Amino acid sequence: MRKIKFLTFAVVITFMLSSCATVKSPLIGMIYTDVKSPVTATSNANSSKVGTSSATAILGLFASGDASIDAAMKNSGITKIHHVDEHATSFLGIFSTYQVFVYGE
């Protein structure tokens, strides 16, 4: 009985530490992640518009969305990119989101 409890505990811990729904981020927390970071920058001077796009994952089993730079540009009518940022959030590897922010004109 003791071996079964230990084995069950080991399996549960392994599952919890596997981060099922990981998200792209420069830093990842096991319990909670909320990180904003830069992606790229150009020499264009103006950034009067902001476009966003996002994708979501649940348990690493279901994922949907278009978090591309192209989608963010189309959402706001940007033709010239000034810079691109990203925002990643994750809670216990259960629910994760990834957002792209495109600044430009």
PDB file of N, CA and C in Angstrom:
ATOM      1  N   MET A   1       0.826  -1.188   0.000  1.00  0.00           N
ATOM      2  CA  MET A   1       0.000   0.000   0.000  1.00  0.00           C
ATOM      3  C   MET A   1       0.871   1.254   0.000  1.00  0.00           C
ATOM      4  N   ARG A   2       1.961   1.189   0.734  1.00  0.00           N
ATOM      5  CA  ARG A   2       2.848   2.344   0.833  1.00  0.00           C
ATOM      6  C   ARG A   2       3.511   2.640  -0.514  1.00  0.00           C
ATOM      7  N   LYS A   3       3.870   1.577  -1.257  1.00  0.00           N
ATOM      8  CA  LYS A   3       4.485   1.753  -2.569  1.00  0.00           C
ATOM      9  C   LYS A   3       3.512   2.373  -3.558  1.00  0.00           C
ATOM     10  N   ILE A   4       2.245   2.010  -3.482  1.00  0.00           N
ATOM     11  CA  ILE A   4       1.230   2.568  -4.379  1.00  0.00           C
ATOM     12  C   ILE A   4       1.047   4.057  -4.107  1.00  0.00           C
ATOM     13  N   LYS A   5       1.008   4.444  -2.837  1.00  0.00           N
ATOM     14  CA  LYS A   5       0.882   5.867  -2.493  1.00  0.00           C
ATOM     15  C   LYS A   5       2.095   6.653  -2.992  1.00  0.00           C
ATOM     16  N   PHE A   6       3.286   6.091  -2.793  1.00  0.00           N
ATOM     17  CA  PHE A   6       4.500   6.765  -3.243  1.00  0.00           C
ATOM     18  C   PHE A   6       4.515   6.903  -4.763  1.00  0.00           C
ATOM     19  N   LEU A   7       4.147   5.837  -5.473  1.00  0.00           N
ATOM     20  CA  LEU A   7       4.121   5.866  -6.929  1.00  0.00           C
ATOM     21  C   LEU A   7       3.095   6.874  -7.443  1.00  0.00           C
ATOM     22  N   THR A   8       1.927   6.915  -6.819  1.00  0.00           N
ATOM     23  CA  THR A   8       0.900   7.887  -7.193  1.00  0.00           C
ATOM     24  C   THR A   8       1.402   9.303  -6.965  1.00  0.00           C
ATOM     25  N   PHE A   9       2.027   9.547  -5.831  1.00  0.00           N
ATOM     26  CA  PHE A   9       2.580  10.864  -5.520  1.00  0.00           C
ATOM     27  C   PHE A   9       3.643  11.252  -6.552  1.00  0.00           C
ATOM     28  N   ALA A  10       4.525  10.322  -6.913  1.00  0.00           N
ATOM     29  CA  ALA A  10       5.581  10.592  -7.885  1.00  0.00           C
ATOM     30  C   ALA A  10       4.999  10.927  -9.254  1.00  0.00           C
ATOM     31  N   VAL A  11       3.955  10.223  -9.666  1.00  0.00           N
ATOM     32  CA  VAL A  11       3.318  10.492 -10.953  1.00  0.00           C
ATOM     33  C   VAL A  11       2.660  11.865 -10.951  1.00  0.00           C
ATOM     34  N   VAL A  12       1.963  12.200  -9.875  1.00  0.00           N
ATOM     35  CA  VAL A  12       1.304  13.510  -9.771  1.00  0.00           C
ATOM     36  C   VAL A  12       2.333  14.640  -9.804  1.00  0.00           C
ATOM     37  N   ILE A  13       3.409  14.514  -9.062  1.00  0.00           N
ATOM     38  CA  ILE A  13       4.468  15.536  -9.048  1.00  0.00           C
ATOM     39  C   ILE A  13       5.102  15.669 -10.421  1.00  0.00           C
ATOM     40  N   THR A  14       5.372  14.547 -11.077  1.00  0.00           N
ATOM     41  CA  THR A  14       5.949  14.584 -12.423  1.00  0.00           C
ATOM     42  C   THR A  14       5.022  15.299 -13.390  1.00  0.00           C
ATOM     43  N   PHE A  15       3.730  15.015 -13.313  1.00  0.00           N
ATOM     44  CA  PHE A  15       2.755  15.672 -14.169  1.00  0.00           C
ATOM     45  C   PHE A  15       2.715  17.173 -13.905  1.00  0.00           C
ATOM     46  N   MET A  16       2.733  17.565 -12.643  1.00  0.00           N
ATOM     47  CA  MET A  16       2.668  18.988 -12.296  1.00  0.00           C
ATOM     48  C   MET A  16       3.908  19.744 -12.755  1.00  0.00           C
ATOM     49  N   LEU A  17       5.055  19.099 -12.723  1.00  0.00           N
ATOM     50  CA  LEU A  17       6.283  19.763 -13.109  1.00  0.00           C
ATOM     51  C   LEU A  17       6.554  19.714 -14.611  1.00  0.00           C
ATOM     52  N   SER A  18       5.714  19.031 -15.367  1.00  0.00           N
ATOM     53  CA  SER A  18       5.948  18.901 -16.801  1.00  0.00           C
ATOM     54  C   SER A  18       5.497  20.122 -17.586  1.00  0.00           C
ATOM     55  N   SER A  19       4.767  21.054 -16.966  1.00  0.00           N
ATOM     56  CA  SER A  19       4.288  22.270 -17.621  1.00  0.00           C
ATOM     57  C   SER A  19       3.592  21.937 -18.932  1.00  0.00           C
ATOM     58  N   CYS A  20       2.452  21.358 -18.831  1.00  0.00           N
ATOM     59  CA  CYS A  20       1.723  20.878 -20.004  1.00  0.00           C
ATOM     60  C   CYS A  20       1.458  21.969 -21.033  1.00  0.00           C
ATOM     61  N   ALA A  21       0.993  23.127 -20.621  1.00  0.00           N
ATOM     62  CA  ALA A  21       0.678  24.201 -21.550  1.00  0.00           C
ATOM     63  C   ALA A  21       1.739  25.289 -21.421  1.00  0.00           C
ATOM     64  N   THR A  22       2.920  25.019 -21.935  1.00  0.00           N
ATOM     65  CA  THR A  22       3.987  26.006 -21.854  1.00  0.00           C
ATOM     66  C   THR A  22       3.741  27.120 -22.854  1.00  0.00           C
ATOM     67  N   VAL A  23       4.370  28.243 -22.603  1.00  0.00           N
ATOM     68  CA  VAL A  23       4.209  29.412 -23.466  1.00  0.00           C
ATOM     69  C   VAL A  23       5.585  29.995 -23.752  1.00  0.00           C
ATOM     70  N   LYS A  24       5.784  30.486 -24.963  1.00  0.00           N
ATOM     71  CA  LYS A  24       7.064  31.085 -25.338  1.00  0.00           C
ATOM     72  C   LYS A  24       7.304  32.322 -24.480  1.00  0.00           C
ATOM     73  N   SER A  25       8.423  32.347 -23.804  1.00  0.00           N
ATOM     74  CA  SER A  25       8.747  33.457 -22.928  1.00  0.00           C
ATOM     75  C   SER A  25      10.226  33.405 -22.591  1.00  0.00           C
ATOM     76  N   PRO A  26      10.868  34.584 -22.373  1.00  0.00           N
ATOM     77  CA  PRO A  26      12.269  34.553 -21.970  1.00  0.00           C
ATOM     78  C   PRO A  26      12.462  33.958 -20.570  1.00  0.00           C
ATOM     79  N   LEU A  27      11.436  34.040 -19.729  1.00  0.00           N
ATOM     80  CA  LEU A  27      11.447  33.469 -18.378  1.00  0.00           C
ATOM     81  C   LEU A  27      10.143  32.727 -18.164  1.00  0.00           C
ATOM     82  N   ILE A  28      10.208  31.569 -17.533  1.00  0.00           N
ATOM     83  CA  ILE A  28       8.996  30.801 -17.280  1.00  0.00           C
ATOM     84  C   ILE A  28       8.943  30.431 -15.807  1.00  0.00           C
ATOM     85  N   GLY A  29       7.846  30.792 -15.139  1.00  0.00           N
ATOM     86  CA  GLY A  29       7.629  30.409 -13.754  1.00  0.00           C
ATOM     87  C   GLY A  29       6.825  29.128 -13.695  1.00  0.00           C
ATOM     88  N   MET A  30       7.140  28.252 -12.739  1.00  0.00           N
ATOM     89  CA  MET A  30       6.410  26.989 -12.625  1.00  0.00           C
ATOM     90  C   MET A  30       4.949  27.206 -12.250  1.00  0.00           C
ATOM     91  N   ILE A  31       4.692  28.176 -11.384  1.00  0.00           N
ATOM     92  CA  ILE A  31       3.331  28.405 -10.917  1.00  0.00           C
ATOM     93  C   ILE A  31       2.634  29.464 -11.772  1.00  0.00           C
ATOM     94  N   TYR A  32       3.307  30.586 -12.011  1.00  0.00           N
ATOM     95  CA  TYR A  32       2.677  31.684 -12.737  1.00  0.00           C
ATOM     96  C   TYR A  32       3.715  32.410 -13.577  1.00  0.00           C
ATOM     97  N   THR A  33       3.347  32.743 -14.800  1.00  0.00           N
ATOM     98  CA  THR A  33       4.204  33.514 -15.697  1.00  0.00           C
ATOM     99  C   THR A  33       3.412  34.700 -16.220  1.00  0.00           C
ATOM    100  N   ASP A  34       3.994  35.886 -16.170  1.00  0.00           N
ATOM    101  CA  ASP A  34       3.404  37.094 -16.738  1.00  0.00           C
ATOM    102  C   ASP A  34       4.566  37.981 -17.172  1.00  0.00           C
ATOM    103  N   VAL A  35       5.045  37.772 -18.411  1.00  0.00           N
ATOM    104  CA  VAL A  35       6.278  38.405 -18.878  1.00  0.00           C
ATOM    105  C   VAL A  35       6.019  39.169 -20.171  1.00  0.00           C
ATOM    106  N   LYS A  36       6.486  40.403 -20.215  1.00  0.00           N
ATOM    107  CA  LYS A  36       6.471  41.205 -21.441  1.00  0.00           C
ATOM    108  C   LYS A  36       7.910  41.342 -21.904  1.00  0.00           C
ATOM    109  N   SER A  37       8.126  41.219 -23.220  1.00  0.00           N
ATOM    110  CA  SER A  37       9.492  41.309 -23.729  1.00  0.00           C
ATOM    111  C   SER A  37       9.485  41.816 -25.168  1.00  0.00           C
ATOM    112  N   PRO A  38      10.622  42.354 -25.610  1.00  0.00           N
ATOM    113  CA  PRO A  38      10.717  42.832 -26.983  1.00  0.00           C
ATOM    114  C   PRO A  38      10.982  41.683 -27.949  1.00  0.00           C
ATOM    115  N   VAL A  39      10.572  41.875 -29.201  1.00  0.00           N
ATOM    116  CA  VAL A  39      10.846  40.891 -30.234  1.00  0.00           C
ATOM    117  C   VAL A  39      11.809  41.483 -31.249  1.00  0.00           C
ATOM    118  N   THR A  40      11.457  42.656 -31.797  1.00  0.00           N
ATOM    119  CA  THR A  40      12.297  43.277 -32.819  1.00  0.00           C
ATOM    120  C   THR A  40      12.000  44.761 -32.913  1.00  0.00           C
ATOM    121  N   ALA A  41      12.881  45.489 -33.568  1.00  0.00           N
ATOM    122  CA  ALA A  41      12.701  46.928 -33.812  1.00  0.00           C
ATOM    123  C   ALA A  41      13.278  47.258 -35.184  1.00  0.00           C
ATOM    124  N   THR A  42      12.739  48.310 -35.782  1.00  0.00           N
ATOM    125  CA  THR A  42      13.227  48.760 -37.087  1.00  0.00           C
ATOM    126  C   THR A  42      13.626  50.225 -36.981  1.00  0.00           C
ATOM    127  N   SER A  43      14.048  50.797 -38.085  1.00  0.00           N
ATOM    128  CA  SER A  43      14.462  52.199 -38.092  1.00  0.00           C
ATOM    129  C   SER A  43      13.304  53.140 -38.409  1.00  0.00           C
ATOM    130  N   ASN A  44      12.090  52.635 -38.624  1.00  0.00           N
ATOM    131  CA  ASN A  44      10.940  53.508 -38.876  1.00  0.00           C
ATOM    132  C   ASN A  44      10.676  54.374 -37.651  1.00  0.00           C
ATOM    133  N   ALA A  45      10.371  55.640 -37.894  1.00  0.00           N
ATOM    134  CA  ALA A  45      10.281  56.612 -36.802  1.00  0.00           C
ATOM    135  C   ALA A  45       8.937  56.645 -36.085  1.00  0.00           C
ATOM    136  N   ASN A  46       7.836  56.473 -36.789  1.00  0.00           N
ATOM    137  CA  ASN A  46       6.518  56.634 -36.170  1.00  0.00           C
ATOM    138  C   ASN A  46       5.945  55.319 -35.682  1.00  0.00           C
ATOM    139  N   SER A  47       5.181  55.407 -34.599  1.00  0.00           N
ATOM    140  CA  SER A  47       4.432  54.250 -34.111  1.00  0.00           C
ATOM    141  C   SER A  47       3.087  54.731 -33.599  1.00  0.00           C
ATOM    142  N   SER A  48       2.263  55.281 -34.513  1.00  0.00           N
ATOM    143  CA  SER A  48       0.982  55.853 -34.134  1.00  0.00           C
ATOM    144  C   SER A  48      -0.119  54.801 -33.980  1.00  0.00           C
ATOM    145  N   LYS A  49       0.089  53.600 -34.504  1.00  0.00           N
ATOM    146  CA  LYS A  49      -0.913  52.534 -34.406  1.00  0.00           C
ATOM    147  C   LYS A  49      -0.349  51.343 -33.626  1.00  0.00           C
ATOM    148  N   VAL A  50      -1.259  50.591 -32.998  1.00  0.00           N
ATOM    149  CA  VAL A  50      -0.880  49.367 -32.281  1.00  0.00           C
ATOM    150  C   VAL A  50      -1.828  48.255 -32.717  1.00  0.00           C
ATOM    151  N   GLY A  51      -1.252  47.156 -33.165  1.00  0.00           N
ATOM    152  CA  GLY A  51      -2.050  45.988 -33.531  1.00  0.00           C
ATOM    153  C   GLY A  51      -1.718  44.835 -32.616  1.00  0.00           C
ATOM    154  N   THR A  52      -2.715  44.003 -32.317  1.00  0.00           N
ATOM    155  CA  THR A  52      -2.482  42.856 -31.441  1.00  0.00           C
ATOM    156  C   THR A  52      -3.012  41.576 -32.083  1.00  0.00           C
ATOM    157  N   SER A  53      -2.397  40.477 -31.709  1.00  0.00           N
ATOM    158  CA  SER A  53      -2.877  39.143 -32.082  1.00  0.00           C
ATOM    159  C   SER A  53      -2.532  38.215 -30.929  1.00  0.00           C
ATOM    160  N   SER A  54      -3.271  37.108 -30.803  1.00  0.00           N
ATOM    161  CA  SER A  54      -3.022  36.228 -29.655  1.00  0.00           C
ATOM    162  C   SER A  54      -3.379  34.782 -29.958  1.00  0.00           C
ATOM    163  N   ALA A  55      -2.840  33.906 -29.120  1.00  0.00           N
ATOM    164  CA  ALA A  55      -3.144  32.480 -29.159  1.00  0.00           C
ATOM    165  C   ALA A  55      -3.275  31.983 -27.725  1.00  0.00           C
ATOM    166  N   THR A  56      -4.082  30.951 -27.525  1.00  0.00           N
ATOM    167  CA  THR A  56      -4.365  30.425 -26.197  1.00  0.00           C
ATOM    168  C   THR A  56      -4.207  28.904 -26.195  1.00  0.00           C
ATOM    169  N   ALA A  57      -3.715  28.362 -25.080  1.00  0.00           N
ATOM    170  CA  ALA A  57      -3.590  26.912 -24.927  1.00  0.00           C
ATOM    171  C   ALA A  57      -4.182  26.499 -23.584  1.00  0.00           C
ATOM    172  N   ILE A  58      -4.829  25.335 -23.582  1.00  0.00           N
ATOM    173  CA  ILE A  58      -5.405  24.781 -22.363  1.00  0.00           C
ATOM    174  C   ILE A  58      -4.835  23.383 -22.166  1.00  0.00           C
ATOM    175  N   LEU A  59      -4.118  23.182 -21.049  1.00  0.00           N
ATOM    176  CA  LEU A  59      -3.516  21.906 -20.668  1.00  0.00           C
ATOM    177  C   LEU A  59      -2.547  21.338 -21.698  1.00  0.00           C
ATOM    178  N   GLY A  60      -2.168  22.131 -22.657  1.00  0.00           N
ATOM    179  CA  GLY A  60      -1.308  21.624 -23.711  1.00  0.00           C
ATOM    180  C   GLY A  60      -2.046  20.677 -24.645  1.00  0.00           C
ATOM    181  N   LEU A  61      -3.355  20.510 -24.438  1.00  0.00           N
ATOM    182  CA  LEU A  61      -4.169  19.632 -25.275  1.00  0.00           C
ATOM    183  C   LEU A  61      -4.873  20.395 -26.382  1.00  0.00           C
ATOM    184  N   PHE A  62      -5.309  21.611 -26.081  1.00  0.00           N
ATOM    185  CA  PHE A  62      -6.035  22.436 -27.040  1.00  0.00           C
ATOM    186  C   PHE A  62      -5.314  23.766 -27.178  1.00  0.00           C
ATOM    187  N   ALA A  63      -5.074  24.174 -28.395  1.00  0.00           N
ATOM    188  CA  ALA A  63      -4.442  25.466 -28.646  1.00  0.00           C
ATOM    189  C   ALA A  63      -5.078  26.079 -29.880  1.00  0.00           C
ATOM    190  N   SER A  64      -5.349  27.379 -29.812  1.00  0.00           N
ATOM    191  CA  SER A  64      -5.931  28.046 -30.975  1.00  0.00           C
ATOM    192  C   SER A  64      -5.541  29.511 -30.967  1.00  0.00           C
ATOM    193  N   GLY A  65      -5.631  30.104 -32.138  1.00  0.00           N
ATOM    194  CA  GLY A  65      -5.345  31.521 -32.282  1.00  0.00           C
ATOM    195  C   GLY A  65      -4.267  31.767 -33.317  1.00  0.00           C
ATOM    196  N   ASP A  66      -4.161  33.005 -33.723  1.00  0.00           N
ATOM    197  CA  ASP A  66      -3.146  33.427 -34.685  1.00  0.00           C
ATOM    198  C   ASP A  66      -2.355  34.548 -34.032  1.00  0.00           C
ATOM    199  N   ALA A  67      -1.227  34.222 -33.453  1.00  0.00           N
ATOM    200  CA  ALA A  67      -0.397  35.207 -32.765  1.00  0.00           C
ATOM    201  C   ALA A  67       0.751  35.657 -33.659  1.00  0.00           C
ATOM    202  N   SER A  68       0.474  35.827 -34.938  1.00  0.00           N
ATOM    203  CA  SER A  68       1.523  36.231 -35.866  1.00  0.00           C
ATOM    204  C   SER A  68       1.612  37.752 -35.977  1.00  0.00           C
ATOM    205  N   ILE A  69       2.760  38.207 -36.412  1.00  0.00           N
ATOM    206  CA  ILE A  69       2.958  39.634 -36.649  1.00  0.00           C
ATOM    207  C   ILE A  69       2.042  40.097 -37.770  1.00  0.00           C
ATOM    208  N   ASP A  70       1.877  39.262 -38.794  1.00  0.00           N
ATOM    209  CA  ASP A  70       1.014  39.593 -39.919  1.00  0.00           C
ATOM    210  C   ASP A  70      -0.433  39.819 -39.469  1.00  0.00           C
ATOM    211  N   ALA A  71      -0.947  38.963 -38.596  1.00  0.00           N
ATOM    212  CA  ALA A  71      -2.315  39.122 -38.087  1.00  0.00           C
ATOM    213  C   ALA A  71      -2.459  40.417 -37.292  1.00  0.00           C
ATOM    214  N   ALA A  72      -1.467  40.742 -36.487  1.00  0.00           N
ATOM    215  CA  ALA A  72      -1.516  41.985 -35.712  1.00  0.00           C
ATOM    216  C   ALA A  72      -1.486  43.197 -36.638  1.00  0.00           C
ATOM    217  N   MET A  73      -0.688  43.141 -37.700  1.00  0.00           N
ATOM    218  CA  MET A  73      -0.629  44.242 -38.661  1.00  0.00           C
ATOM    219  C   MET A  73      -1.976  44.427 -39.363  1.00  0.00           C
ATOM    220  N   LYS A  74      -2.599  43.328 -39.777  1.00  0.00           N
ATOM    221  CA  LYS A  74      -3.890  43.396 -40.461  1.00  0.00           C
ATOM    222  C   LYS A  74      -4.991  43.911 -39.541  1.00  0.00           C
ATOM    223  N   ASN A  75      -4.942  43.553 -38.251  1.00  0.00           N
ATOM    224  CA  ASN A  75      -5.962  43.983 -37.292  1.00  0.00           C
ATOM    225  C   ASN A  75      -6.001  45.489 -37.105  1.00  0.00           C
ATOM    226  N   SER A  76      -4.883  46.175 -37.368  1.00  0.00           N
ATOM    227  CA  SER A  76      -4.854  47.624 -37.149  1.00  0.00           C
ATOM    228  C   SER A  76      -4.467  48.421 -38.391  1.00  0.00           C
ATOM    229  N   GLY A  77      -4.247  47.757 -39.497  1.00  0.00           N
ATOM    230  CA  GLY A  77      -3.917  48.463 -40.733  1.00  0.00           C
ATOM    231  C   GLY A  77      -2.500  49.011 -40.766  1.00  0.00           C
ATOM    232  N   ILE A  78      -1.582  48.370 -40.093  1.00  0.00           N
ATOM    233  CA  ILE A  78      -0.185  48.823 -40.082  1.00  0.00           C
ATOM    234  C   ILE A  78       0.508  48.339 -41.355  1.00  0.00           C
ATOM    235  N   THR A  79       1.244  49.251 -41.999  1.00  0.00           N
ATOM    236  CA  THR A  79       2.005  48.897 -43.196  1.00  0.00           C
ATOM    237  C   THR A  79       3.513  48.978 -42.962  1.00  0.00           C
ATOM    238  N   LYS A  80       3.933  49.803 -42.008  1.00  0.00           N
ATOM    239  CA  LYS A  80       5.353  49.936 -41.665  1.00  0.00           C
ATOM    240  C   LYS A  80       5.523  49.677 -40.175  1.00  0.00           C
ATOM    241  N   ILE A  81       6.338  48.696 -39.829  1.00  0.00           N
ATOM    242  CA  ILE A  81       6.541  48.315 -38.433  1.00  0.00           C
ATOM    243  C   ILE A  81       7.625  49.183 -37.795  1.00  0.00           C
ATOM    244  N   HIS A  82       7.346  49.667 -36.578  1.00  0.00           N
ATOM    245  CA  HIS A  82       8.340  50.367 -35.775  1.00  0.00           C
ATOM    246  C   HIS A  82       9.017  49.374 -34.824  1.00  0.00           C
ATOM    247  N   HIS A  83       8.215  48.672 -34.025  1.00  0.00           N
ATOM    248  CA  HIS A  83       8.752  47.616 -33.165  1.00  0.00           C
ATOM    249  C   HIS A  83       7.659  46.615 -32.795  1.00  0.00           C
ATOM    250  N   VAL A  84       8.095  45.452 -32.312  1.00  0.00           N
ATOM    251  CA  VAL A  84       7.182  44.363 -31.944  1.00  0.00           C
ATOM    252  C   VAL A  84       7.528  43.896 -30.533  1.00  0.00           C
ATOM    253  N   ASP A  85       6.494  43.746 -29.710  1.00  0.00           N
ATOM    254  CA  ASP A  85       6.638  43.225 -28.351  1.00  0.00           C
ATOM    255  C   ASP A  85       5.766  41.986 -28.199  1.00  0.00           C
ATOM    256  N   GLU A  86       6.059  41.200 -27.162  1.00  0.00           N
ATOM    257  CA  GLU A  86       5.246  40.029 -26.867  1.00  0.00           C
ATOM    258  C   GLU A  86       4.886  40.011 -25.389  1.00  0.00           C
ATOM    259  N   HIS A  87       3.785  39.329 -25.076  1.00  0.00           N
ATOM    260  CA  HIS A  87       3.335  39.194 -23.691  1.00  0.00           C
ATOM    261  C   HIS A  87       2.887  37.750 -23.494  1.00  0.00           C
ATOM    262  N   ALA A  88       3.524  37.052 -22.566  1.00  0.00           N
ATOM    263  CA  ALA A  88       3.211  35.653 -22.292  1.00  0.00           C
ATOM    264  C   ALA A  88       2.685  35.504 -20.872  1.00  0.00           C
ATOM    265  N   THR A  89       1.585  34.771 -20.732  1.00  0.00           N
ATOM    266  CA  THR A  89       1.051  34.459 -19.406  1.00  0.00           C
ATOM    267  C   THR A  89       0.752  32.967 -19.331  1.00  0.00           C
ATOM    268  N   SER A  90       0.936  32.412 -18.141  1.00  0.00           N
ATOM    269  CA  SER A  90       0.627  31.006 -17.911  1.00  0.00           C
ATOM    270  C   SER A  90       0.313  30.814 -16.436  1.00  0.00           C
ATOM    271  N   PHE A  91      -0.678  29.978 -16.154  1.00  0.00           N
ATOM    272  CA  PHE A  91      -1.036  29.670 -14.777  1.00  0.00           C
ATOM    273  C   PHE A  91      -0.988  28.158 -14.582  1.00  0.00           C
ATOM    274  N   LEU A  92       0.005  27.685 -13.844  1.00  0.00           N
ATOM    275  CA  LEU A  92       0.190  26.276 -13.507  1.00  0.00           C
ATOM    276  C   LEU A  92       0.262  25.361 -14.729  1.00  0.00           C
ATOM    277  N   GLY A  93       0.567  25.898 -15.874  1.00  0.00           N
ATOM    278  CA  GLY A  93       0.603  25.082 -17.077  1.00  0.00           C
ATOM    279  C   GLY A  93      -0.767  24.619 -17.519  1.00  0.00           C
ATOM    280  N   ILE A  94      -1.804  25.168 -16.895  1.00  0.00           N
ATOM    281  CA  ILE A  94      -3.179  24.784 -17.233  1.00  0.00           C
ATOM    282  C   ILE A  94      -3.717  25.683 -18.334  1.00  0.00           C
ATOM    283  N   PHE A  95      -3.493  26.979 -18.195  1.00  0.00           N
ATOM    284  CA  PHE A  95      -4.017  27.958 -19.142  1.00  0.00           C
ATOM    285  C   PHE A  95      -2.895  28.917 -19.516  1.00  0.00           C
ATOM    286  N   SER A  96      -2.627  29.046 -20.804  1.00  0.00           N
ATOM    287  CA  SER A  96      -1.550  29.918 -21.269  1.00  0.00           C
ATOM    288  C   SER A  96      -2.034  30.789 -22.421  1.00  0.00           C
ATOM    289  N   THR A  97      -1.534  32.029 -22.456  1.00  0.00           N
ATOM    290  CA  THR A  97      -1.825  32.909 -23.582  1.00  0.00           C
ATOM    291  C   THR A  97      -0.525  33.549 -24.052  1.00  0.00           C
ATOM    292  N   TYR A  98      -0.483  33.829 -25.333  1.00  0.00           N
ATOM    293  CA  TYR A  98       0.663  34.487 -25.947  1.00  0.00           C
ATOM    294  C   TYR A  98       0.127  35.595 -26.845  1.00  0.00           C
ATOM    295  N   GLN A  99       0.547  36.832 -26.599  1.00  0.00           N
ATOM    296  CA  GLN A  99       0.086  37.972 -27.379  1.00  0.00           C
ATOM    297  C   GLN A  99       1.255  38.663 -28.058  1.00  0.00           C
ATOM    298  N   VAL A 100       1.006  39.173 -29.265  1.00  0.00           N
ATOM    299  CA  VAL A 100       1.988  39.940 -30.008  1.00  0.00           C
ATOM    300  C   VAL A 100       1.431  41.349 -30.197  1.00  0.00           C
ATOM    301  N   PHE A 101       2.257  42.357 -29.926  1.00  0.00           N
ATOM    302  CA  PHE A 101       1.892  43.752 -30.103  1.00  0.00           C
ATOM    303  C   PHE A 101       2.808  44.347 -31.164  1.00  0.00           C
ATOM    304  N   VAL A 102       2.199  44.856 -32.240  1.00  0.00           N
ATOM    305  CA  VAL A 102       2.962  45.472 -33.321  1.00  0.00           C
ATOM    306  C   VAL A 102       2.679  46.968 -33.310  1.00  0.00           C
ATOM    307  N   TYR A 103       3.744  47.779 -33.259  1.00  0.00           N
ATOM    308  CA  TYR A 103       3.623  49.227 -33.261  1.00  0.00           C
ATOM    309  C   TYR A 103       4.143  49.740 -34.603  1.00  0.00           C
ATOM    310  N   GLY A 104       3.431  50.664 -35.197  1.00  0.00           N
ATOM    311  CA  GLY A 104       3.865  51.198 -36.482  1.00  0.00           C
ATOM    312  C   GLY A 104       2.895  52.200 -37.041  1.00  0.00           C
ATOM    313  N   GLU A 105       2.973  52.393 -38.347  1.00  0.00           N
ATOM    314  CA  GLU A 105       2.088  53.353 -39.028  1.00  0.00           C
ATOM    315  C   GLU A 105       1.422  52.708 -40.218  1.00  0.00           C
TER     316      GLU A 105
END
